[in-house]
Amino acid sequence: MTESVASPPPPSPPPSSDAAEVDQAAISGEIEAIAEAYQSSGAVETDVRLDYPPYRSSILRHPTKAPHQVDPEGIELWAPVFGHQDVDPFEADLTIQHRGEPLGERMRVTGRVTDGDGRPVRHQLVEIWQANAGGRYIHQRDQHPAALDPNFTGMGRCLTDSDGFYRFTTIKPGPYPWRNHHNAWRPAHIHFSLFGSEFTQRLVTQMYFPGDPLFALDPIYQAITDRAARDRLVATYDHDLTQHEWSLGFRWDVVLTGSHRTPLEEDHAA
């Protein structure tokens, strides 16, 4: 695992000064030009590009200086402590955290966390956070006119089992505007955070849903220029996981190392 610490991003990055003047056609043109240049280069680039011009605030959302070596033990003196006794199994069900049932499409999300050799990563802390069914986060910076759901907070966590599986019950999040440019909308997604054996080993990524019409329009998703790598962020509908008259089922595996690892938010371009 990479030794890095990342904070959950705000739901909507700050808009650039010309965001309102740039329309989707201009952003899509930039995305297409970058994709064509990548295809003609013959290179295989599976990481997230840090400076991706269609994503206007990307320069503000990644380190701009070289990493500084620190003592992990010193960091952990100030970091949270967690273990089996600290994670309640009920935290994995985001639909029962309040007195009433949340609005939206109930679903189960499960998958297996493995290393590059296919070995299960056992007892891994997995955290998720997401928007509600209307595309609204409970976050002070998210003020777009969509309703908050008093019965949905949008945060949960669990530990992987002995075979490396995690399991969540939640509500499918809605897309939301994010001010990158005029009429910019993010595809529906769930943020995932995975911890290793130490607090300094934290990896953050996003899971998307199949067939989303916003994929081609989204600079964050398209910042992974390789299509095969992007596809690793998309969950698969699983009818066997779907529960009769209760919830749909989606499966999404996470590979932490190796050539087929899941793209992460702190990745560097090749």
C-alpha atoms as a PDB file:
ATOM      1  CA  MET A   1       0.000   0.000   0.000  1.00  0.00           C
ATOM      2  CA  THR A   2       1.035   3.575  -0.586  1.00  0.00           C
ATOM      3  CA  GLU A   3       1.783   5.454   2.610  1.00  0.00           C
ATOM      4  CA  SER A   4      -0.289   8.595   2.253  1.00  0.00           C
ATOM      5  CA  VAL A   5      -3.011  10.424   4.086  1.00  0.00           C
ATOM      6  CA  ALA A   6      -5.852  12.136   2.241  1.00  0.00           C
ATOM      7  CA  SER A   7      -8.854  14.029   3.533  1.00  0.00           C
ATOM      8  CA  PRO A   8     -12.357  13.508   2.109  1.00  0.00           C
ATOM      9  CA  PRO A   9     -12.833  16.101  -0.632  1.00  0.00           C
ATOM     10  CA  PRO A  10     -15.620  18.670  -0.382  1.00  0.00           C
ATOM     11  CA  PRO A  11     -18.598  17.749  -2.545  1.00  0.00           C
ATOM     12  CA  SER A  12     -18.138  20.665  -4.942  1.00  0.00           C
ATOM     13  CA  PRO A  13     -14.659  22.027  -5.758  1.00  0.00           C
ATOM     14  CA  PRO A  14     -14.340  25.791  -5.978  1.00  0.00           C
ATOM     15  CA  PRO A  15     -15.255  27.092  -9.433  1.00  0.00           C
ATOM     16  CA  SER A  16     -12.710  28.899 -11.549  1.00  0.00           C
ATOM     17  CA  SER A  17     -13.308  32.529 -12.417  1.00  0.00           C
ATOM     18  CA  ASP A  18     -14.393  31.659 -15.953  1.00  0.00           C
ATOM     19  CA  ALA A  19     -16.491  28.626 -15.031  1.00  0.00           C
ATOM     20  CA  ALA A  20     -19.784  30.285 -15.924  1.00  0.00           C
ATOM     21  CA  GLU A  21     -18.397  31.308 -19.328  1.00  0.00           C
ATOM     22  CA  VAL A  22     -17.294  27.812 -20.364  1.00  0.00           C
ATOM     23  CA  ASP A  23     -19.994  25.457 -21.593  1.00  0.00           C
ATOM     24  CA  GLN A  24     -20.110  21.678 -21.816  1.00  0.00           C
ATOM     25  CA  ALA A  25     -19.236  21.687 -25.528  1.00  0.00           C
ATOM     26  CA  ALA A  26     -15.924  23.413 -24.783  1.00  0.00           C
ATOM     27  CA  ILE A  27     -15.109  21.004 -21.945  1.00  0.00           C
ATOM     28  CA  SER A  28     -16.054  17.996 -24.089  1.00  0.00           C
ATOM     29  CA  GLY A  29     -13.812  19.315 -26.863  1.00  0.00           C
ATOM     30  CA  GLU A  30     -10.878  19.500 -24.449  1.00  0.00           C
ATOM     31  CA  ILE A  31     -11.593  15.980 -23.175  1.00  0.00           C
ATOM     32  CA  GLU A  32     -11.737  14.647 -26.745  1.00  0.00           C
ATOM     33  CA  ALA A  33      -8.485  16.344 -27.741  1.00  0.00           C
ATOM     34  CA  ILE A  34      -6.651  14.874 -24.734  1.00  0.00           C
ATOM     35  CA  ALA A  35      -8.091  11.431 -25.461  1.00  0.00           C
ATOM     36  CA  GLU A  36      -7.001  11.604 -29.108  1.00  0.00           C
ATOM     37  CA  ALA A  37      -3.483  12.659 -28.119  1.00  0.00           C
ATOM     38  CA  TYR A  38      -3.311   9.796 -25.648  1.00  0.00           C
ATOM     39  CA  GLN A  39      -4.474   7.258 -28.226  1.00  0.00           C
ATOM     40  CA  SER A  40      -1.940   8.442 -30.801  1.00  0.00           C
ATOM     41  CA  SER A  41       0.927   8.380 -28.299  1.00  0.00           C
ATOM     42  CA  GLY A  42       0.873   4.599 -28.016  1.00  0.00           C
ATOM     43  CA  ALA A  43       1.519   4.862 -24.281  1.00  0.00           C
ATOM     44  CA  VAL A  44      -0.411   2.991 -21.595  1.00  0.00           C
ATOM     45  CA  GLU A  45      -1.374   5.426 -18.851  1.00  0.00           C
ATOM     46  CA  THR A  46      -3.499   3.923 -16.094  1.00  0.00           C
ATOM     47  CA  ASP A  47      -3.153   6.579 -13.406  1.00  0.00           C
ATOM     48  CA  VAL A  48      -5.204   9.691 -12.724  1.00  0.00           C
ATOM     49  CA  ARG A  49      -3.733  12.823 -14.291  1.00  0.00           C
ATOM     50  CA  LEU A  50      -3.067  15.427 -11.639  1.00  0.00           C
ATOM     51  CA  ASP A  51      -3.189  18.478 -13.908  1.00  0.00           C
ATOM     52  CA  TYR A  52      -6.138  17.824 -16.191  1.00  0.00           C
ATOM     53  CA  PRO A  53      -7.238  21.118 -17.820  1.00  0.00           C
ATOM     54  CA  PRO A  54     -10.923  20.200 -18.321  1.00  0.00           C
ATOM     55  CA  TYR A  55     -11.083  19.714 -14.549  1.00  0.00           C
ATOM     56  CA  ARG A  56     -10.584  23.390 -13.826  1.00  0.00           C
ATOM     57  CA  SER A  57      -9.606  23.191 -10.150  1.00  0.00           C
ATOM     58  CA  SER A  58      -7.393  20.088 -10.438  1.00  0.00           C
ATOM     59  CA  ILE A  59      -4.309  22.239  -9.819  1.00  0.00           C
ATOM     60  CA  LEU A  60      -5.762  23.170  -6.412  1.00  0.00           C
ATOM     61  CA  ARG A  61      -6.567  19.601  -5.354  1.00  0.00           C
ATOM     62  CA  HIS A  62      -3.253  17.779  -5.331  1.00  0.00           C
ATOM     63  CA  PRO A  63       0.220  18.279  -3.830  1.00  0.00           C
ATOM     64  CA  THR A  64       2.437  20.666  -5.781  1.00  0.00           C
ATOM     65  CA  LYS A  65       5.637  19.942  -3.871  1.00  0.00           C
ATOM     66  CA  ALA A  66       7.711  16.798  -3.478  1.00  0.00           C
ATOM     67  CA  PRO A  67       6.663  14.391  -0.696  1.00  0.00           C
ATOM     68  CA  HIS A  68       8.338  14.938   2.656  1.00  0.00           C
ATOM     69  CA  GLN A  69       9.518  11.888   4.566  1.00  0.00           C
ATOM     70  CA  VAL A  70       8.005  11.678   8.039  1.00  0.00           C
ATOM     71  CA  ASP A  71       8.066   9.219  10.870  1.00  0.00           C
ATOM     72  CA  PRO A  72       4.843   7.144  10.686  1.00  0.00           C
ATOM     73  CA  GLU A  73       4.961   6.465  14.422  1.00  0.00           C
ATOM     74  CA  GLY A  74       4.979  10.193  15.097  1.00  0.00           C
ATOM     75  CA  ILE A  75       1.901  10.726  12.915  1.00  0.00           C
ATOM     76  CA  GLU A  76       0.062   7.886  14.575  1.00  0.00           C
ATOM     77  CA  LEU A  77       0.442   9.507  17.988  1.00  0.00           C
ATOM     78  CA  TRP A  78      -2.077  12.075  16.746  1.00  0.00           C
ATOM     79  CA  ALA A  79      -4.182   9.802  14.505  1.00  0.00           C
ATOM     80  CA  PRO A  80      -7.431   7.956  15.281  1.00  0.00           C
ATOM     81  CA  VAL A  81      -7.210   4.442  16.635  1.00  0.00           C
ATOM     82  CA  PHE A  82      -9.534   1.753  15.340  1.00  0.00           C
ATOM     83  CA  GLY A  83     -10.049  -1.976  15.676  1.00  0.00           C
ATOM     84  CA  HIS A  84     -12.753  -4.595  15.672  1.00  0.00           C
ATOM     85  CA  GLN A  85     -14.259  -3.233  18.872  1.00  0.00           C
ATOM     86  CA  ASP A  86     -14.547   0.243  17.338  1.00  0.00           C
ATOM     87  CA  VAL A  87     -16.607  -0.687  14.247  1.00  0.00           C
ATOM     88  CA  ASP A  88     -20.211  -1.672  14.873  1.00  0.00           C
ATOM     89  CA  PRO A  89     -21.732  -3.988  12.215  1.00  0.00           C
ATOM     90  CA  PHE A  90     -24.772  -1.679  12.037  1.00  0.00           C
ATOM     91  CA  GLU A  91     -22.543   1.096  10.636  1.00  0.00           C
ATOM     92  CA  ALA A  92     -22.511  -0.746   7.295  1.00  0.00           C
ATOM     93  CA  ASP A  93     -26.241  -0.142   6.804  1.00  0.00           C
ATOM     94  CA  LEU A  94     -26.820   3.502   5.889  1.00  0.00           C
ATOM     95  CA  THR A  95     -30.603   2.989   5.733  1.00  0.00           C
ATOM     96  CA  ILE A  96     -31.099   2.359   9.472  1.00  0.00           C
ATOM     97  CA  GLN A  97     -29.108   5.189  11.021  1.00  0.00           C
ATOM     98  CA  HIS A  98     -32.163   7.347  11.763  1.00  0.00           C
ATOM     99  CA  ARG A  99     -35.745   6.918  12.948  1.00  0.00           C
ATOM    100  CA  GLY A 100     -37.274   6.794   9.461  1.00  0.00           C
ATOM    101  CA  GLU A 101     -36.330   5.212   6.155  1.00  0.00           C
ATOM    102  CA  PRO A 102     -34.394   7.337   3.668  1.00  0.00           C
ATOM    103  CA  LEU A 103     -35.855   8.203   0.291  1.00  0.00           C
ATOM    104  CA  GLY A 104     -34.481   6.665  -2.885  1.00  0.00           C
ATOM    105  CA  GLU A 105     -33.454   3.417  -4.518  1.00  0.00           C
ATOM    106  CA  ARG A 106     -32.281   0.979  -1.860  1.00  0.00           C
ATOM    107  CA  MET A 107     -29.275  -1.128  -2.852  1.00  0.00           C
ATOM    108  CA  ARG A 108     -26.594  -3.450  -1.543  1.00  0.00           C
ATOM    109  CA  VAL A 109     -22.952  -2.914  -2.530  1.00  0.00           C
ATOM    110  CA  THR A 110     -20.362  -5.609  -1.947  1.00  0.00           C
ATOM    111  CA  GLY A 111     -16.991  -6.596  -3.277  1.00  0.00           C
ATOM    112  CA  ARG A 112     -13.642  -8.105  -2.479  1.00  0.00           C
ATOM    113  CA  VAL A 113     -10.485  -6.230  -1.549  1.00  0.00           C
ATOM    114  CA  THR A 114      -7.362  -8.014  -2.807  1.00  0.00           C
ATOM    115  CA  ASP A 115      -3.700  -7.360  -3.483  1.00  0.00           C
ATOM    116  CA  GLY A 116      -2.099  -7.650  -6.906  1.00  0.00           C
ATOM    117  CA  ASP A 117      -1.710 -11.410  -6.537  1.00  0.00           C
ATOM    118  CA  GLY A 118      -5.396 -11.941  -5.776  1.00  0.00           C
ATOM    119  CA  ARG A 119      -4.902 -12.553  -2.064  1.00  0.00           C
ATOM    120  CA  PRO A 120      -7.667 -11.196   0.207  1.00  0.00           C
ATOM    121  CA  VAL A 121      -6.933  -8.130   2.330  1.00  0.00           C
ATOM    122  CA  ARG A 122      -8.516  -9.219   5.597  1.00  0.00           C
ATOM    123  CA  HIS A 123      -9.960  -6.998   8.333  1.00  0.00           C
ATOM    124  CA  GLN A 124      -9.481  -3.868   6.211  1.00  0.00           C
ATOM    125  CA  LEU A 125     -11.316  -0.743   7.371  1.00  0.00           C
ATOM    126  CA  VAL A 126     -13.558   0.427   4.509  1.00  0.00           C
ATOM    127  CA  GLU A 127     -15.405   3.755   4.771  1.00  0.00           C
ATOM    128  CA  ILE A 128     -17.874   5.270   2.320  1.00  0.00           C
ATOM    129  CA  TRP A 129     -19.563   8.658   1.947  1.00  0.00           C
ATOM    130  CA  GLN A 130     -22.009   9.817  -0.685  1.00  0.00           C
ATOM    131  CA  ALA A 131     -24.778  12.197  -1.706  1.00  0.00           C
ATOM    132  CA  ASN A 132     -28.399  11.339  -1.031  1.00  0.00           C
ATOM    133  CA  ALA A 133     -30.898  10.270  -3.705  1.00  0.00           C
ATOM    134  CA  GLY A 134     -31.373  13.909  -4.712  1.00  0.00           C
ATOM    135  CA  GLY A 135     -27.657  14.506  -5.182  1.00  0.00           C
ATOM    136  CA  ARG A 136     -27.146  16.487  -1.961  1.00  0.00           C
ATOM    137  CA  TYR A 137     -24.381  16.018   0.632  1.00  0.00           C
ATOM    138  CA  ILE A 138     -24.695  16.924   4.273  1.00  0.00           C
ATOM    139  CA  HIS A 139     -21.839  19.398   3.954  1.00  0.00           C
ATOM    140  CA  GLN A 140     -21.740  23.129   4.572  1.00  0.00           C
ATOM    141  CA  ARG A 141     -20.295  23.785   1.123  1.00  0.00           C
ATOM    142  CA  ASP A 142     -23.061  21.903  -0.653  1.00  0.00           C
ATOM    143  CA  GLN A 143     -25.821  24.478  -0.991  1.00  0.00           C
ATOM    144  CA  HIS A 144     -27.385  23.658  -4.357  1.00  0.00           C
ATOM    145  CA  PRO A 145     -31.221  23.558  -4.280  1.00  0.00           C
ATOM    146  CA  ALA A 146     -31.842  19.869  -3.686  1.00  0.00           C
ATOM    147  CA  ALA A 147     -33.574  18.534  -0.589  1.00  0.00           C
ATOM    148  CA  LEU A 148     -31.689  17.156   2.378  1.00  0.00           C
ATOM    149  CA  ASP A 149     -33.004  13.827   3.639  1.00  0.00           C
ATOM    150  CA  PRO A 150     -33.355  13.862   7.451  1.00  0.00           C
ATOM    151  CA  ASN A 151     -33.103  10.066   7.442  1.00  0.00           C
ATOM    152  CA  PHE A 152     -29.911   9.793   5.423  1.00  0.00           C
ATOM    153  CA  THR A 153     -26.479  10.988   6.523  1.00  0.00           C
ATOM    154  CA  GLY A 154     -24.531   9.305   3.720  1.00  0.00           C
ATOM    155  CA  MET A 155     -21.632   7.829   5.710  1.00  0.00           C
ATOM    156  CA  GLY A 156     -20.827   4.255   6.709  1.00  0.00           C
ATOM    157  CA  ARG A 157     -17.972   1.873   7.439  1.00  0.00           C
ATOM    158  CA  CYS A 158     -17.180  -1.792   7.914  1.00  0.00           C
ATOM    159  CA  LEU A 159     -14.298  -4.241   8.141  1.00  0.00           C
ATOM    160  CA  THR A 160     -13.573  -6.769   5.404  1.00  0.00           C
ATOM    161  CA  ASP A 161     -14.116 -10.374   6.443  1.00  0.00           C
ATOM    162  CA  SER A 162     -11.625 -13.256   6.387  1.00  0.00           C
ATOM    163  CA  ASP A 163     -12.034 -13.551   2.598  1.00  0.00           C
ATOM    164  CA  GLY A 164     -11.584  -9.826   1.996  1.00  0.00           C
ATOM    165  CA  PHE A 165     -15.271  -8.994   1.366  1.00  0.00           C
ATOM    166  CA  TYR A 166     -16.958  -5.749   2.407  1.00  0.00           C
ATOM    167  CA  ARG A 167     -20.757  -5.209   2.432  1.00  0.00           C
ATOM    168  CA  PHE A 168     -22.898  -2.075   2.582  1.00  0.00           C
ATOM    169  CA  THR A 169     -26.613  -1.352   2.367  1.00  0.00           C
ATOM    170  CA  THR A 170     -27.367   2.165   1.183  1.00  0.00           C
ATOM    171  CA  ILE A 171     -29.349   4.386  -1.198  1.00  0.00           C
ATOM    172  CA  LYS A 172     -28.242   5.035  -4.764  1.00  0.00           C
ATOM    173  CA  PRO A 173     -26.837   8.582  -4.844  1.00  0.00           C
ATOM    174  CA  GLY A 174     -28.082  11.119  -7.356  1.00  0.00           C
ATOM    175  CA  PRO A 175     -25.957  13.200  -9.733  1.00  0.00           C
ATOM    176  CA  TYR A 176     -25.236  16.765  -8.680  1.00  0.00           C
ATOM    177  CA  PRO A 177     -23.979  20.081 -10.128  1.00  0.00           C
ATOM    178  CA  TRP A 178     -20.425  21.018  -9.273  1.00  0.00           C
ATOM    179  CA  ARG A 179     -19.628  24.384 -10.941  1.00  0.00           C
ATOM    180  CA  ASN A 180     -16.602  23.274 -12.960  1.00  0.00           C
ATOM    181  CA  HIS A 181     -18.280  24.905 -15.959  1.00  0.00           C
ATOM    182  CA  HIS A 182     -21.769  25.940 -17.024  1.00  0.00           C
ATOM    183  CA  ASN A 183     -24.271  23.094 -16.521  1.00  0.00           C
ATOM    184  CA  ALA A 184     -21.637  20.726 -15.101  1.00  0.00           C
ATOM    185  CA  TRP A 185     -22.961  17.564 -13.425  1.00  0.00           C
ATOM    186  CA  ARG A 186     -21.119  14.733 -11.710  1.00  0.00           C
ATOM    187  CA  PRO A 187     -22.162  11.134 -12.400  1.00  0.00           C
ATOM    188  CA  ALA A 188     -23.656   9.249  -9.456  1.00  0.00           C
ATOM    189  CA  HIS A 189     -20.837   7.824  -7.341  1.00  0.00           C
ATOM    190  CA  ILE A 190     -19.801   6.615  -3.898  1.00  0.00           C
ATOM    191  CA  HIS A 191     -16.510   7.644  -2.299  1.00  0.00           C
ATOM    192  CA  PHE A 192     -14.467   4.787  -0.819  1.00  0.00           C
ATOM    193  CA  SER A 193     -11.668   5.055   1.729  1.00  0.00           C
ATOM    194  CA  LEU A 194      -9.560   2.024   2.617  1.00  0.00           C
ATOM    195  CA  PHE A 195      -7.073   1.758   5.467  1.00  0.00           C
ATOM    196  CA  GLY A 196      -4.194  -0.659   5.800  1.00  0.00           C
ATOM    197  CA  SER A 197      -2.558  -1.808   8.990  1.00  0.00           C
ATOM    198  CA  GLU A 198      -1.614   1.773   9.916  1.00  0.00           C
ATOM    199  CA  PHE A 199      -3.406   5.122   9.774  1.00  0.00           C
ATOM    200  CA  THR A 200      -0.814   6.445   7.295  1.00  0.00           C
ATOM    201  CA  GLN A 201      -1.912   3.778   4.807  1.00  0.00           C
ATOM    202  CA  ARG A 202      -5.075   5.350   3.487  1.00  0.00           C
ATOM    203  CA  LEU A 203      -6.312   5.085  -0.088  1.00  0.00           C
ATOM    204  CA  VAL A 204      -9.281   7.037  -1.493  1.00  0.00           C
ATOM    205  CA  THR A 205     -11.210   6.342  -4.697  1.00  0.00           C
ATOM    206  CA  GLN A 206     -14.726   6.482  -6.199  1.00  0.00           C
ATOM    207  CA  MET A 207     -17.186   3.847  -7.396  1.00  0.00           C
ATOM    208  CA  TYR A 208     -19.563   4.589 -10.286  1.00  0.00           C
ATOM    209  CA  PHE A 209     -22.654   2.868 -11.682  1.00  0.00           C
ATOM    210  CA  PRO A 210     -22.923   1.184 -15.082  1.00  0.00           C
ATOM    211  CA  GLY A 211     -24.420   2.990 -18.050  1.00  0.00           C
ATOM    212  CA  ASP A 212     -24.298   6.506 -16.601  1.00  0.00           C
ATOM    213  CA  PRO A 213     -24.883   9.033 -19.435  1.00  0.00           C
ATOM    214  CA  LEU A 214     -22.674  11.601 -17.666  1.00  0.00           C
ATOM    215  CA  PHE A 215     -19.447   9.577 -17.980  1.00  0.00           C
ATOM    216  CA  ALA A 216     -18.393  11.159 -21.268  1.00  0.00           C
ATOM    217  CA  LEU A 217     -19.087  14.663 -19.933  1.00  0.00           C
ATOM    218  CA  ASP A 218     -17.311  14.414 -16.583  1.00  0.00           C
ATOM    219  CA  PRO A 219     -13.706  15.739 -16.402  1.00  0.00           C
ATOM    220  CA  ILE A 220     -12.988  13.942 -13.118  1.00  0.00           C
ATOM    221  CA  TYR A 221     -13.928  10.539 -14.518  1.00  0.00           C
ATOM    222  CA  GLN A 222     -12.176  11.304 -17.813  1.00  0.00           C
ATOM    223  CA  ALA A 223      -8.990  12.377 -16.005  1.00  0.00           C
ATOM    224  CA  ILE A 224      -8.111   8.674 -16.215  1.00  0.00           C
ATOM    225  CA  THR A 225      -7.287   8.673 -19.912  1.00  0.00           C
ATOM    226  CA  ASP A 226      -7.119   4.896 -20.324  1.00  0.00           C
ATOM    227  CA  ARG A 227     -10.572   3.383 -20.837  1.00  0.00           C
ATOM    228  CA  ALA A 228      -9.715   0.006 -19.307  1.00  0.00           C
ATOM    229  CA  ALA A 229      -8.487   1.750 -16.166  1.00  0.00           C
ATOM    230  CA  ARG A 230     -11.633   3.899 -16.002  1.00  0.00           C
ATOM    231  CA  ASP A 231     -13.788   0.802 -16.307  1.00  0.00           C
ATOM    232  CA  ARG A 232     -12.293  -0.519 -13.062  1.00  0.00           C
ATOM    233  CA  LEU A 233     -14.161   2.247 -11.237  1.00  0.00           C
ATOM    234  CA  VAL A 234     -17.568   1.079 -12.495  1.00  0.00           C
ATOM    235  CA  ALA A 235     -19.582  -1.413 -10.446  1.00  0.00           C
ATOM    236  CA  THR A 236     -21.405  -4.369 -11.987  1.00  0.00           C
ATOM    237  CA  TYR A 237     -25.088  -5.060 -11.478  1.00  0.00           C
ATOM    238  CA  ASP A 238     -25.441  -8.443  -9.753  1.00  0.00           C
ATOM    239  CA  HIS A 239     -28.891 -10.010  -9.863  1.00  0.00           C
ATOM    240  CA  ASP A 240     -27.874 -12.750  -7.423  1.00  0.00           C
ATOM    241  CA  LEU A 241     -27.041 -10.030  -4.916  1.00  0.00           C
ATOM    242  CA  THR A 242     -30.361  -8.294  -5.586  1.00  0.00           C
ATOM    243  CA  GLN A 243     -32.894  -9.067  -2.843  1.00  0.00           C
ATOM    244  CA  HIS A 244     -36.528  -9.848  -3.694  1.00  0.00           C
ATOM    245  CA  GLU A 245     -38.793  -6.810  -3.174  1.00  0.00           C
ATOM    246  CA  TRP A 246     -36.096  -5.070  -1.154  1.00  0.00           C
ATOM    247  CA  SER A 247     -32.960  -3.874  -2.947  1.00  0.00           C
ATOM    248  CA  LEU A 248     -30.827  -4.027  -6.063  1.00  0.00           C
ATOM    249  CA  GLY A 249     -27.325  -5.450  -5.873  1.00  0.00           C
ATOM    250  CA  PHE A 250     -24.003  -4.130  -7.182  1.00  0.00           C
ATOM    251  CA  ARG A 251     -20.562  -5.717  -6.995  1.00  0.00           C
ATOM    252  CA  TRP A 252     -17.308  -3.768  -7.051  1.00  0.00           C
ATOM    253  CA  ASP A 253     -13.909  -5.274  -6.304  1.00  0.00           C
ATOM    254  CA  VAL A 254     -10.868  -3.255  -5.243  1.00  0.00           C
ATOM    255  CA  VAL A 255      -7.323  -4.261  -6.187  1.00  0.00           C
ATOM    256  CA  LEU A 256      -4.746  -2.393  -4.129  1.00  0.00           C
ATOM    257  CA  THR A 257      -1.514  -3.220  -5.994  1.00  0.00           C
ATOM    258  CA  GLY A 258      -0.289  -4.513  -9.337  1.00  0.00           C
ATOM    259  CA  SER A 259      -1.000  -3.619 -12.964  1.00  0.00           C
ATOM    260  CA  HIS A 260      -4.768  -4.017 -12.555  1.00  0.00           C
ATOM    261  CA  ARG A 261      -5.174  -2.052  -9.354  1.00  0.00           C
ATOM    262  CA  THR A 262      -8.117   0.265  -8.831  1.00  0.00           C
ATOM    263  CA  PRO A 263      -7.266   3.900  -9.784  1.00  0.00           C
ATOM    264  CA  LEU A 264      -6.906   6.112  -6.719  1.00  0.00           C
ATOM    265  CA  GLU A 265      -7.377   9.826  -6.198  1.00  0.00           C
ATOM    266  CA  GLU A 266      -3.742  10.469  -5.307  1.00  0.00           C
ATOM    267  CA  ASP A 267      -2.283   8.644  -8.332  1.00  0.00           C
ATOM    268  CA  HIS A 268       0.260  10.379 -10.528  1.00  0.00           C
ATOM    269  CA  ALA A 269       0.200  10.429 -14.308  1.00  0.00           C
ATOM    270  CA  ALA A 270       2.587   8.134 -16.166  1.00  0.00           C
END
